[in-house]
Each structure stands twice: as C-alpha cells, then as structure tokens.
Amino acid sequence: MALITEDNLISAFQTLLEQDQLELLVQIAEKWKIKDTLPQRASIIESRAFIRLCLLELAWHRIKNVEHSKEKLEITVDVLIHRGWMSKARGALVQLQSEHPKHPRLEEYYRAVRNGVQPPRNA
C-alpha cells in the first residue's frame, strides 16, 4: 500500500480548493490531524477553505500556528476584513505591503478597508 506523501496531500488539497470541494478538504485535514500534524502549506490551504465557508474563527486558529509568510499575512488580512475589523486589517495590510510591495491583491484589500463591511445587496 502506497503512503500519501506531504506533496501528494498538498496537491490534493489544492485541487479540492480549486474544485470548491471545501467540506471534503476540511474532512480530510481533520482526519489527517488525528494521526499527524498538518503540513504548513496544507494548513494555509485549509484556512482558505474555512474563509470561503465563512468559518472565520477556524481560519484564524488554523493560520496562527503557521510560520510567518506572505500567505499567512494575506489570510490574516482576509479574515480581519471579513470580520469587519478594519483598523486591525489596515495594520496587517501595511505589513503585507512593506514585505511584498508588488502583491497582486493590495489594491483590492485597500479598497475593502476603505469601504468597510457592506451588507449583502439582497439584504
């Protein structure tokens, strides 16, 4: 029986995220954590799934144990914006911009922070 390598796991997680199979991704991650620690990259992908599922607290807890990286800063900004914590998001965004000045989503993030949280259009 072939063992699942870390690279295979991360590749599968990325595919599940792209296919919007978020619940399955989370189920596999949680099952994996029973036997072994989740690799850093897999935790980042699971955090993105939690954000898309609007499970912001779980995304926050998952990402806080990940080593400092561009992805961790990006997810932190996403969570803070989704929670409506614009002053904290602004601080994380300044850090993201100082460390990664050519980040492709900087303008989008700044616009979101300026506009604040908007209610859904159908509300």
Protein backbone atom coordinates (compact mmCIF):
# COMPACT_ATOMS: atom_id res chain seq x y z
CA MET A 1 0.00 0.00 0.00
CA ALA A 2 1.42 3.37 -1.04
CA LEU A 3 1.83 6.06 1.58
CA ILE A 4 0.45 9.53 0.98
CA THR A 5 3.33 11.97 0.88
CA GLU A 6 3.16 15.58 2.02
CA ASP A 7 3.42 16.71 -1.62
CA ASN A 8 0.51 14.46 -2.61
CA LEU A 9 -1.59 15.79 0.27
CA ILE A 10 -0.90 19.41 -0.63
CA SER A 11 -1.61 18.74 -4.31
CA ALA A 12 -4.90 17.06 -3.40
CA PHE A 13 -5.85 19.95 -1.09
CA GLN A 14 -5.09 22.50 -3.81
CA THR A 15 -7.22 20.55 -6.30
CA LEU A 16 -10.11 20.30 -3.81
CA LEU A 17 -9.90 24.05 -3.15
CA GLU A 18 -9.94 24.82 -6.88
CA GLN A 19 -12.92 22.48 -7.38
CA ASP A 20 -14.76 24.10 -4.45
CA GLN A 21 -14.85 20.76 -2.59
CA LEU A 22 -14.30 22.64 0.66
CA GLU A 23 -16.12 20.32 3.05
CA LEU A 24 -14.18 17.31 1.77
CA LEU A 25 -10.92 19.22 2.10
CA VAL A 26 -11.70 20.06 5.73
CA GLN A 27 -12.78 16.48 6.50
CA ILE A 28 -9.51 15.09 5.14
CA ALA A 29 -7.46 17.68 7.01
CA GLU A 30 -9.20 16.96 10.31
CA LYS A 31 -8.77 13.21 9.82
CA TRP A 32 -5.09 13.70 8.95
CA LYS A 33 -4.55 15.68 12.18
CA ILE A 34 -5.70 12.71 14.26
CA LYS A 35 -2.57 10.80 13.21
CA ASP A 36 -0.07 13.54 12.32
CA THR A 37 0.44 17.28 12.25
CA LEU A 38 -0.83 19.05 9.18
CA PRO A 39 1.98 20.43 7.00
CA GLN A 40 2.26 24.24 6.95
CA ARG A 41 1.17 24.54 3.33
CA ALA A 42 -1.84 22.30 3.97
CA SER A 43 -2.85 24.48 6.94
CA ILE A 44 -2.75 27.52 4.66
CA ILE A 45 -5.00 25.82 2.12
CA GLU A 46 -7.38 24.66 4.85
CA SER A 47 -7.53 28.25 6.17
CA ARG A 48 -8.55 29.45 2.71
CA ALA A 49 -11.29 26.82 2.67
CA PHE A 50 -12.53 27.99 6.09
CA ILE A 51 -12.69 31.58 4.83
CA ARG A 52 -14.72 30.53 1.80
CA LEU A 53 -17.03 28.59 4.14
CA CYS A 54 -17.34 31.74 6.32
CA LEU A 55 -15.76 29.88 9.24
CA LEU A 56 -13.52 32.78 10.14
CA GLU A 57 -12.72 31.68 13.69
CA LEU A 58 -11.47 28.31 12.43
CA ALA A 59 -9.41 30.02 9.71
CA TRP A 60 -7.92 32.31 12.37
CA HIS A 61 -6.97 29.42 14.65
CA ARG A 62 -5.51 27.37 11.82
CA ILE A 63 -3.34 30.18 10.45
CA LYS A 64 -1.95 31.38 13.78
CA ASN A 65 0.25 28.26 14.05
CA VAL A 66 1.72 28.74 10.58
CA GLU A 67 5.18 30.27 10.21
CA HIS A 68 5.34 33.87 9.01
CA SER A 69 4.88 34.07 5.24
CA LYS A 70 3.18 36.04 2.51
CA GLU A 71 0.27 33.61 2.56
CA LYS A 72 -0.16 33.96 6.32
CA LEU A 73 -0.29 37.76 6.01
CA GLU A 74 -2.76 37.51 3.12
CA ILE A 75 -5.08 35.20 5.07
CA THR A 76 -4.79 37.40 8.15
CA VAL A 77 -5.89 40.44 6.12
CA ASP A 78 -8.75 38.45 4.57
CA VAL A 79 -10.04 37.28 7.96
CA LEU A 80 -9.80 40.74 9.51
CA ILE A 81 -11.64 42.35 6.59
CA HIS A 82 -14.37 39.69 6.64
CA ARG A 83 -14.80 40.23 10.38
CA GLY A 84 -15.11 43.97 9.85
CA TRP A 85 -12.02 44.78 11.92
CA MET A 86 -10.75 47.44 9.54
CA SER A 87 -8.21 49.08 11.88
CA LYS A 88 -6.53 45.72 12.53
CA ALA A 89 -6.79 44.84 8.83
CA ARG A 90 -5.10 48.13 7.96
CA GLY A 91 -2.14 47.27 10.23
CA ALA A 92 -1.75 43.80 8.70
CA LEU A 93 -2.12 45.32 5.24
CA VAL A 94 0.68 47.82 5.89
CA GLN A 95 2.89 44.90 6.94
CA LEU A 96 1.91 42.94 3.81
CA GLN A 97 2.69 45.93 1.59
CA SER A 98 6.04 46.61 3.27
CA GLU A 99 7.13 42.99 2.90
CA HIS A 100 5.52 42.32 -0.50
CA PRO A 101 5.07 45.67 -2.32
CA LYS A 102 4.02 44.01 -5.59
CA HIS A 103 1.37 41.73 -4.05
CA PRO A 104 -1.41 41.38 -6.66
CA ARG A 105 -4.30 41.95 -4.20
CA LEU A 106 -3.01 45.07 -2.40
CA GLU A 107 -5.35 47.44 -4.22
CA GLU A 108 -8.32 45.14 -3.63
CA TYR A 109 -7.51 44.95 0.08
CA TYR A 110 -7.08 48.71 0.45
CA ARG A 111 -10.40 49.27 -1.32
CA ALA A 112 -12.11 46.80 1.03
CA VAL A 113 -10.62 48.50 4.09
CA ARG A 114 -11.70 51.95 2.82
CA ASN A 115 -15.23 50.79 2.03
CA GLY A 116 -15.70 48.78 5.22
CA VAL A 117 -18.11 45.90 5.53
CA GLN A 118 -21.12 46.23 3.26
CA PRO A 119 -24.37 44.33 3.81
CA PRO A 120 -25.33 41.88 1.06
CA ARG A 121 -27.24 43.50 -1.82
CA ASN A 122 -30.24 41.27 -1.27
CA ALA A 123 -30.46 42.11 2.46
